[in-house]
Structure formats: structure tokens, C-alpha cells
Amino acid sequence: MKKIDVFTFGETMVLFQPEQMLPLEYIHQFPKKIGGAESNVAIGLTRLGHSASWYSKLGNDPFGRFILNSIRGEGVDTSSCQFTDQAPTGLIFKEQLSSSDMNVYYYRKGSSASLMEPEDLDEKIIAQAKIIHISGITPALSESCRRTVMRSIEIAKQNGTIVIFDPNMRMKLWSEERAKKIFNEIAEHADIILPGLDEGQLMTGKKEVEAVAEALLGKSNKTIIIKLGSQGAYLHSNAEKLYVDGFPVEKIVDPVGAGDGFAAGIISGILRQEPMKQVVRRANAIGAMVVGVSGDIEGLPYFEAVEKFMKPAGIDRDVKR
């Protein structure tokens, strides 16, 4: 088996996102796309020049086939995906009323992806991957999905695979109490954690950016990168502590997927063995590029496009220690 750079898994749904900014009851045509945090990351990585493998359990229906063909068509390895007749593929509808007002409606309860089990994982792929990307969405889908996440981490640790965790909080899927417990359980085993500030606050009970990062780091040798939206990100590890400014965005078209683009940028930089300041800067750039395009994957850039976008340099500021 050819060694891959990154393995990730989770639920990808068929996304119906109208082109008009109207309440959904007045929309009569819905273009069909795909949407899923983990597959977004996998596709983002292939466009940045890396190899990625994505696993899910899909409904044995037209939507499941559409998802598989779409992701495979982006160059992502989907060889471990499975189809099931026991449940349908999940759906998601986006309602955009303005550039800053978007509602998301899920039809995913009891979906095919929620039936993922630990024994479904292809251990050989995980063992040969350099990095495994874990999203906090997957364990929220079902108890079997939570066990699948923990088993994937166990396999990764046994084989020296780097574990990157993005909490990617979805409060429509579970309670804050449950999310906090599971996020911290996963974070304990992660090498790199990519929370938004609100997610870090939930996990630690701290409020300030640096206090959140310090609490997540503890006495470990992890790397914490807190996403700060338009302000960029904060990098915190035993080796360095600094803010990396974001890139200006003229117009936000669709904010969904920016965090996945950010994660792809972080993983890409780590695979390229670049200095972490540069890694975070490129991730900020990708996040800024993604929000300017409608759809989950449509704005994910190719490497050359990111480099061109980054030419106007941002200003980074070191934290006083």
C-alpha cells in the first residue's frame, strides 16, 4: 500500500445551498454540493499537494454515490469507505439571508455515517499515515462513532502517527457538558489542538486567549493553535508563543468551511516541515480565501494560489514572556 500523508474520517452530507439570499420557504431550486468538515480537510490537502485518505459509511443511495464520486474525483483516497442499506446518507440545507446571517438545517440523525464502528477502520491506512486528523463532530454522531474516534487515536499512537484534533463544535448535535467531556478526552491524546476561542473556553473554563492555551497545554509537549477569526490565530507551545495576524477579507460570502481550510493549511505546513509561524500564516490565508467563496469546498485553494494571495505580508507580534 502506498504511504499516505493524512487519514481522516467523518460524515459528509449532500449540501443544498441556494444561490439566492432568501428564506428557504421562498427557494425553489437547490444546487447540489457536498459538505463535511473532514472531507473538506482531505480535499484541501490534495489541492495543496499532499495525499489524503478519507473514510465514512455512506447510504447505499444516489446521494452516497454522489458524495463518494465527488471526493474521489478530488484525488482523495476513498478505498476504505463503505456503503450500507441500514440508513440513508445525511443531508444539509443552508439558508443565507445576508453575508453575516446564515442558518444551517441538518437531516442527519440516524444517518449512515452514525453507524460507523471501530472495527470498520482500516488499520493499515492509519498505521501508514503521517498524520491523522480528528474532528469533534464525529464523536457527536453516536456512541459507536465516539468509540471509532478513540480507536483511531489508539491505532495512531501505536504507530507513531501524529494526532491533530479540531474540536469543530456543533451544539445542535449534543450538550455543552457532553462536548466538554469528550473534547478533553480526545485532546489528552492529541499532539496538536486547533480550537476556536469559544471551543477552548468551553474545554478549559478560561476566558483569555493565552490562559486558554496554557490550560490546554498543561505540562505536555503539545502545540495549541487557537483560531481568532479575522484577527488570525495564537500559537502556543513550549517552544514559542505568538500571535499571527489574519488577512483582510473584502467581502465574506460564506463563513462555513474556513476552519477546515485553516486545518488543511496547518497540516500542509507541518508536512512541509516549515517553521510554525509560517505554517500558521498560510493557514490564516487559506481561511480568508475560503470565506470569499460560496460552498464548503469551492473556495479551497491550490498551493500556488495561496502563495500569490500571501504576498502582501501580515504583521506578527511576539508575546512578552
Protein backbone atom coordinates (compact mmCIF):
# COMPACT_ATOMS: atom_id res chain seq x y z
CA MET A 1 0.00 0.00 0.00
CA LYS A 2 1.26 3.46 -0.92
CA LYS A 3 2.00 5.53 2.18
CA ILE A 4 -0.37 8.48 2.56
CA ASP A 5 0.20 11.78 4.30
CA VAL A 6 -3.10 12.17 6.15
CA PHE A 7 -6.01 9.98 7.19
CA THR A 8 -9.32 11.48 8.31
CA PHE A 9 -12.89 10.26 8.67
CA GLY A 10 -16.37 11.51 9.44
CA GLU A 11 -19.71 12.39 7.94
CA THR A 12 -20.07 14.17 4.63
CA MET A 13 -23.59 15.14 3.61
CA VAL A 14 -25.22 16.29 0.43
CA LEU A 15 -25.40 20.06 0.71
CA PHE A 16 -28.28 22.03 -0.78
CA GLN A 17 -27.31 25.69 -0.88
CA PRO A 18 -29.46 28.10 -2.92
CA GLU A 19 -27.78 30.92 -4.78
CA GLN A 20 -30.39 33.44 -3.62
CA MET A 21 -30.35 35.13 -0.22
CA LEU A 22 -33.92 34.34 0.80
CA PRO A 23 -35.73 32.31 3.48
CA LEU A 24 -35.81 28.70 2.36
CA GLU A 25 -39.59 28.66 2.04
CA TYR A 26 -39.20 31.01 -0.94
CA ILE A 27 -36.43 28.99 -2.60
CA HIS A 28 -37.46 26.60 -5.38
CA GLN A 29 -34.10 25.50 -6.81
CA PHE A 30 -31.28 23.95 -4.81
CA PRO A 31 -27.87 23.27 -6.42
CA LYS A 32 -26.42 20.01 -5.11
CA LYS A 33 -22.98 20.09 -3.46
CA ILE A 34 -21.15 18.22 -0.71
CA GLY A 35 -20.36 19.36 2.81
CA GLY A 36 -18.36 17.69 5.57
CA ALA A 37 -15.55 19.00 7.78
CA GLU A 38 -13.25 16.02 7.41
CA SER A 39 -13.65 15.62 3.65
CA ASN A 40 -13.14 19.39 3.33
CA VAL A 41 -9.76 18.96 5.03
CA ALA A 42 -8.86 15.98 2.85
CA ILE A 43 -9.76 17.86 -0.34
CA GLY A 44 -7.93 20.95 0.88
CA LEU A 45 -4.81 18.85 1.40
CA THR A 46 -4.88 17.26 -2.05
CA ARG A 47 -5.15 20.73 -3.59
CA LEU A 48 -2.12 21.78 -1.54
CA GLY A 49 -0.12 18.89 -2.98
CA HIS A 50 -0.49 16.14 -0.38
CA SER A 51 -2.05 12.68 -0.32
CA ALA A 52 -5.12 12.14 1.86
CA SER A 53 -7.42 9.24 2.67
CA TRP A 54 -10.99 9.75 3.87
CA TYR A 55 -13.32 7.14 5.36
CA SER A 56 -17.05 7.19 6.03
CA LYS A 57 -20.07 4.92 5.96
CA LEU A 58 -22.40 6.09 3.21
CA GLY A 59 -26.00 5.25 2.41
CA ASN A 60 -26.42 2.85 -0.48
CA ASP A 61 -28.35 5.53 -2.34
CA PRO A 62 -27.77 8.14 -5.07
CA PHE A 63 -26.58 10.70 -2.52
CA GLY A 64 -23.99 8.34 -1.09
CA ARG A 65 -22.66 7.60 -4.56
CA PHE A 66 -22.59 11.31 -5.38
CA ILE A 67 -20.51 12.03 -2.26
CA LEU A 68 -18.04 9.21 -2.93
CA ASN A 69 -17.59 10.17 -6.58
CA SER A 70 -17.15 13.85 -5.71
CA ILE A 71 -14.48 13.26 -3.08
CA ARG A 72 -12.67 10.60 -5.10
CA GLY A 73 -12.73 12.98 -8.06
CA GLU A 74 -10.70 15.46 -6.00
CA GLY A 75 -7.88 12.94 -5.71
CA VAL A 76 -8.69 11.75 -2.19
CA ASP A 77 -8.30 8.04 -1.46
CA THR A 78 -11.73 6.62 -0.60
CA SER A 79 -10.81 2.93 -0.74
CA SER A 80 -11.88 2.22 2.86
CA CYS A 81 -15.37 3.77 2.51
CA GLN A 82 -18.35 1.50 2.98
CA PHE A 83 -21.97 1.54 1.82
CA THR A 84 -24.89 0.42 3.96
CA ASP A 85 -28.57 -0.30 3.36
CA GLN A 86 -29.36 0.25 7.05
CA ALA A 87 -29.61 4.05 6.93
CA PRO A 88 -29.66 6.90 4.39
CA THR A 89 -26.99 9.44 3.60
CA GLY A 90 -27.34 12.66 5.61
CA LEU A 91 -28.50 15.95 4.11
CA ILE A 92 -27.82 19.59 4.97
CA PHE A 93 -29.55 22.78 3.83
CA LYS A 94 -28.03 26.25 4.10
CA GLU A 95 -30.22 29.33 4.37
CA GLN A 96 -28.30 32.53 3.75
CA LEU A 97 -30.18 35.74 4.49
CA SER A 98 -27.12 38.00 4.26
CA SER A 99 -23.33 37.69 4.26
CA SER A 100 -23.40 37.57 8.06
CA ASP A 101 -26.70 35.76 8.64
CA MET A 102 -26.71 32.05 7.79
CA ASN A 103 -28.81 29.21 9.14
CA VAL A 104 -27.94 25.53 8.76
CA TYR A 105 -30.54 22.75 8.85
CA TYR A 106 -29.31 19.17 9.33
CA TYR A 107 -31.13 15.99 8.34
CA ARG A 108 -28.57 13.59 9.72
CA LYS A 109 -29.99 11.90 12.82
CA GLY A 110 -29.64 8.14 12.38
CA SER A 111 -27.75 8.64 9.12
CA SER A 112 -25.43 6.09 7.57
CA ALA A 113 -22.33 7.80 8.99
CA SER A 114 -23.68 7.46 12.53
CA LEU A 115 -23.35 3.68 12.11
CA MET A 116 -19.54 3.75 11.91
CA GLU A 117 -17.94 1.19 14.23
CA PRO A 118 -14.32 0.80 15.43
CA GLU A 119 -13.92 -2.46 13.53
CA ASP A 120 -14.78 -0.63 10.29
CA LEU A 121 -11.48 1.29 10.39
CA ASP A 122 -8.71 0.25 8.01
CA GLU A 123 -5.87 -0.04 10.49
CA LYS A 124 -3.24 -0.38 7.77
CA ILE A 125 -4.07 3.03 6.34
CA ILE A 126 -3.92 4.72 9.75
CA ALA A 127 -0.67 2.93 10.62
CA GLN A 128 0.99 4.15 7.43
CA ALA A 129 -0.29 7.73 7.62
CA LYS A 130 1.99 10.51 8.83
CA ILE A 131 -0.92 12.41 10.40
CA ILE A 132 -4.47 11.55 11.48
CA HIS A 133 -6.97 14.43 11.57
CA ILE A 134 -9.80 14.12 14.11
CA SER A 135 -12.87 16.34 14.16
CA GLY A 136 -15.05 16.86 17.22
CA ILE A 137 -18.11 16.43 15.02
CA THR A 138 -17.66 12.69 14.53
CA PRO A 139 -17.94 11.59 18.19
CA ALA A 140 -21.15 13.62 18.47
CA LEU A 141 -22.91 11.49 15.85
CA SER A 142 -23.36 8.39 18.01
CA GLU A 143 -21.74 6.33 20.74
CA SER A 144 -20.30 3.95 18.14
CA CYS A 145 -18.75 6.94 16.35
CA ARG A 146 -17.17 8.10 19.61
CA ARG A 147 -15.66 4.65 20.09
CA THR A 148 -14.45 4.73 16.50
CA VAL A 149 -12.67 8.03 17.13
CA MET A 150 -10.96 6.70 20.25
CA ARG A 151 -9.92 3.52 18.46
CA SER A 152 -8.41 5.54 15.60
CA ILE A 153 -6.33 7.50 18.11
CA GLU A 154 -5.19 4.28 19.75
CA ILE A 155 -4.04 2.90 16.39
CA ALA A 156 -2.28 6.17 15.57
CA LYS A 157 -0.42 6.21 18.89
CA GLN A 158 0.69 2.62 18.42
CA ASN A 159 2.26 3.54 15.10
CA GLY A 160 3.78 6.94 15.82
CA THR A 161 1.19 8.82 13.75
CA ILE A 162 0.70 12.48 14.68
CA VAL A 163 -2.80 13.22 16.01
CA ILE A 164 -4.32 16.59 15.12
CA PHE A 165 -7.62 17.49 16.79
CA ASP A 166 -10.04 20.20 15.67
CA PRO A 167 -12.98 20.39 18.14
CA ASN A 168 -15.26 21.84 15.43
CA MET A 169 -18.10 22.25 17.93
CA ARG A 170 -21.64 21.61 16.68
CA MET A 171 -24.02 22.32 19.55
CA LYS A 172 -27.02 21.08 17.54
CA LEU A 173 -25.58 17.58 17.97
CA TRP A 174 -25.04 17.39 21.74
CA SER A 175 -24.92 19.27 25.04
CA GLU A 176 -22.09 21.54 26.19
CA GLU A 177 -21.43 19.22 29.13
CA ARG A 178 -21.04 16.17 26.89
CA ALA A 179 -18.97 18.09 24.32
CA LYS A 180 -16.59 19.37 27.01
CA LYS A 181 -16.02 15.88 28.39
CA ILE A 182 -15.34 14.26 25.02
CA PHE A 183 -13.28 17.14 23.65
CA ASN A 184 -10.97 17.00 26.64
CA GLU A 185 -10.75 13.23 26.40
CA ILE A 186 -9.60 13.48 22.78
CA ALA A 187 -7.34 16.48 23.47
CA GLU A 188 -5.47 14.49 26.10
CA HIS A 189 -4.18 12.19 23.35
CA ALA A 190 -3.71 14.82 20.61
CA ASP A 191 -0.34 16.24 19.58
CA ILE A 192 -1.79 19.40 18.03
CA ILE A 193 -5.10 21.03 19.01
CA LEU A 194 -6.88 23.59 16.81
CA PRO A 195 -9.76 25.11 18.81
CA GLY A 196 -11.68 28.26 18.14
CA LEU A 197 -11.60 30.56 21.17
CA ASP A 198 -15.17 29.59 22.15
CA GLU A 199 -14.26 25.90 21.98
CA GLY A 200 -11.12 26.46 24.07
CA GLN A 201 -13.16 28.39 26.63
CA LEU A 202 -15.64 25.53 26.87
CA MET A 203 -12.86 22.97 27.30
CA THR A 204 -10.87 24.87 29.93
CA GLY A 205 -13.24 27.26 31.67
CA LYS A 206 -10.74 30.06 30.98
CA LYS A 207 -11.63 33.27 29.13
CA GLU A 208 -8.47 34.94 27.86
CA VAL A 209 -6.70 33.55 24.80
CA GLU A 210 -3.35 32.91 26.45
CA ALA A 211 -4.94 31.40 29.57
CA VAL A 212 -6.97 29.01 27.41
CA ALA A 213 -3.84 27.94 25.53
CA GLU A 214 -1.85 27.47 28.72
CA ALA A 215 -4.60 25.32 30.24
CA LEU A 216 -4.79 23.12 27.12
CA LEU A 217 -1.01 22.76 27.03
CA GLY A 218 -0.59 21.93 30.71
CA LYS A 219 2.66 20.05 31.29
CA SER A 220 2.58 18.33 27.91
CA ASN A 221 4.61 18.86 24.76
CA LYS A 222 1.56 19.64 22.61
CA THR A 223 1.08 22.52 20.22
CA ILE A 224 -2.03 24.67 20.67
CA ILE A 225 -3.22 26.93 17.84
CA ILE A 226 -6.29 28.99 18.72
CA LYS A 227 -8.32 30.36 15.80
CA LEU A 228 -9.29 34.01 16.28
CA GLY A 229 -11.30 34.69 13.14
CA SER A 230 -10.37 37.90 11.36
CA GLN A 231 -7.68 38.55 13.98
CA GLY A 232 -5.70 35.49 12.89
CA ALA A 233 -4.51 32.87 15.35
CA TYR A 234 -2.48 32.35 18.50
CA LEU A 235 0.33 29.78 18.53
CA HIS A 236 1.29 28.34 21.90
CA SER A 237 3.82 25.59 22.66
CA ASN A 238 6.81 25.02 24.89
CA ALA A 239 8.99 26.37 22.08
CA GLU A 240 7.14 29.55 21.12
CA LYS A 241 4.20 31.77 21.92
CA LEU A 242 2.99 34.32 19.40
CA TYR A 243 0.02 35.83 17.62
CA VAL A 244 -0.06 35.55 13.84
CA ASP A 245 -2.25 38.18 12.21
CA GLY A 246 -5.01 37.29 9.79
CA PHE A 247 -5.54 38.56 6.26
CA PRO A 248 -8.12 41.21 5.38
CA VAL A 249 -11.28 39.96 3.67
CA GLU A 250 -13.10 42.42 1.43
CA LYS A 251 -16.39 40.52 1.47
CA ILE A 252 -17.49 37.44 3.40
CA VAL A 253 -19.63 35.33 1.10
CA ASP A 254 -19.87 32.10 3.11
CA PRO A 255 -18.15 31.65 6.51
CA VAL A 256 -18.68 27.87 6.63
CA GLY A 257 -15.55 25.83 5.89
CA ALA A 258 -12.98 28.45 6.88
CA GLY A 259 -11.86 26.37 9.86
CA ASP A 260 -11.44 23.31 7.68
CA GLY A 261 -9.30 25.29 5.26
CA PHE A 262 -7.28 26.52 8.25
CA ALA A 263 -6.76 22.93 9.42
CA ALA A 264 -5.63 21.87 5.95
CA GLY A 265 -3.14 24.76 5.95
CA ILE A 266 -1.73 23.76 9.34
CA ILE A 267 -1.37 20.12 8.31
CA SER A 268 0.22 21.08 4.98
CA GLY A 269 2.83 23.26 6.68
CA ILE A 270 3.68 20.53 9.16
CA LEU A 271 4.11 18.03 6.33
CA ARG A 272 6.41 20.53 4.61
CA GLN A 273 8.36 20.86 7.87
CA GLU A 274 8.11 24.64 7.81
CA PRO A 275 8.61 26.98 10.80
CA MET A 276 5.37 27.11 12.79
CA LYS A 277 4.97 30.85 12.35
CA GLN A 278 4.90 30.33 8.58
CA VAL A 279 2.58 27.34 8.97
CA VAL A 280 0.00 29.39 10.87
CA ARG A 281 0.31 32.33 8.50
CA ARG A 282 -0.55 30.17 5.49
CA ALA A 283 -3.46 28.61 7.40
CA ASN A 284 -4.79 32.11 8.12
CA ALA A 285 -4.51 32.93 4.42
CA ILE A 286 -6.47 29.85 3.38
CA GLY A 287 -9.21 30.63 5.90
CA ALA A 288 -9.50 34.13 4.46
CA MET A 289 -9.70 32.76 0.91
CA VAL A 290 -12.40 30.22 1.77
CA VAL A 291 -14.86 32.74 3.24
CA GLY A 292 -14.89 34.66 -0.03
CA VAL A 293 -16.49 31.78 -1.97
CA SER A 294 -19.87 30.06 -1.59
CA GLY A 295 -19.81 26.37 -0.64
CA ASP A 296 -17.74 24.10 1.58
CA ILE A 297 -15.02 23.04 -0.87
CA GLU A 298 -15.31 25.50 -3.73
CA GLY A 299 -13.00 28.06 -2.11
CA LEU A 300 -10.27 25.65 -1.01
CA PRO A 301 -7.21 26.88 -2.92
CA TYR A 302 -4.30 25.23 -4.70
CA PHE A 303 -0.83 25.87 -3.28
CA GLU A 304 0.22 28.38 -5.95
CA ALA A 305 -2.93 30.44 -5.37
CA VAL A 306 -2.23 30.63 -1.62
CA GLU A 307 1.34 31.77 -2.19
CA LYS A 308 0.11 34.51 -4.51
CA PHE A 309 -2.56 35.59 -2.02
CA MET A 310 0.02 35.79 0.79
CA LYS A 311 2.37 38.24 -0.93
CA PRO A 312 1.05 41.28 0.99
CA ALA A 313 2.74 40.38 4.26
CA GLY A 314 0.86 40.31 7.54
CA ILE A 315 2.38 41.62 10.78
CA ASP A 316 3.13 39.15 13.54
CA ARG A 317 3.68 40.12 17.12
CA ASP A 318 5.59 38.18 19.71
CA VAL A 319 4.10 37.70 23.15
CA LYS A 320 6.06 39.19 26.03
CA ARG A 321 7.19 36.43 28.32
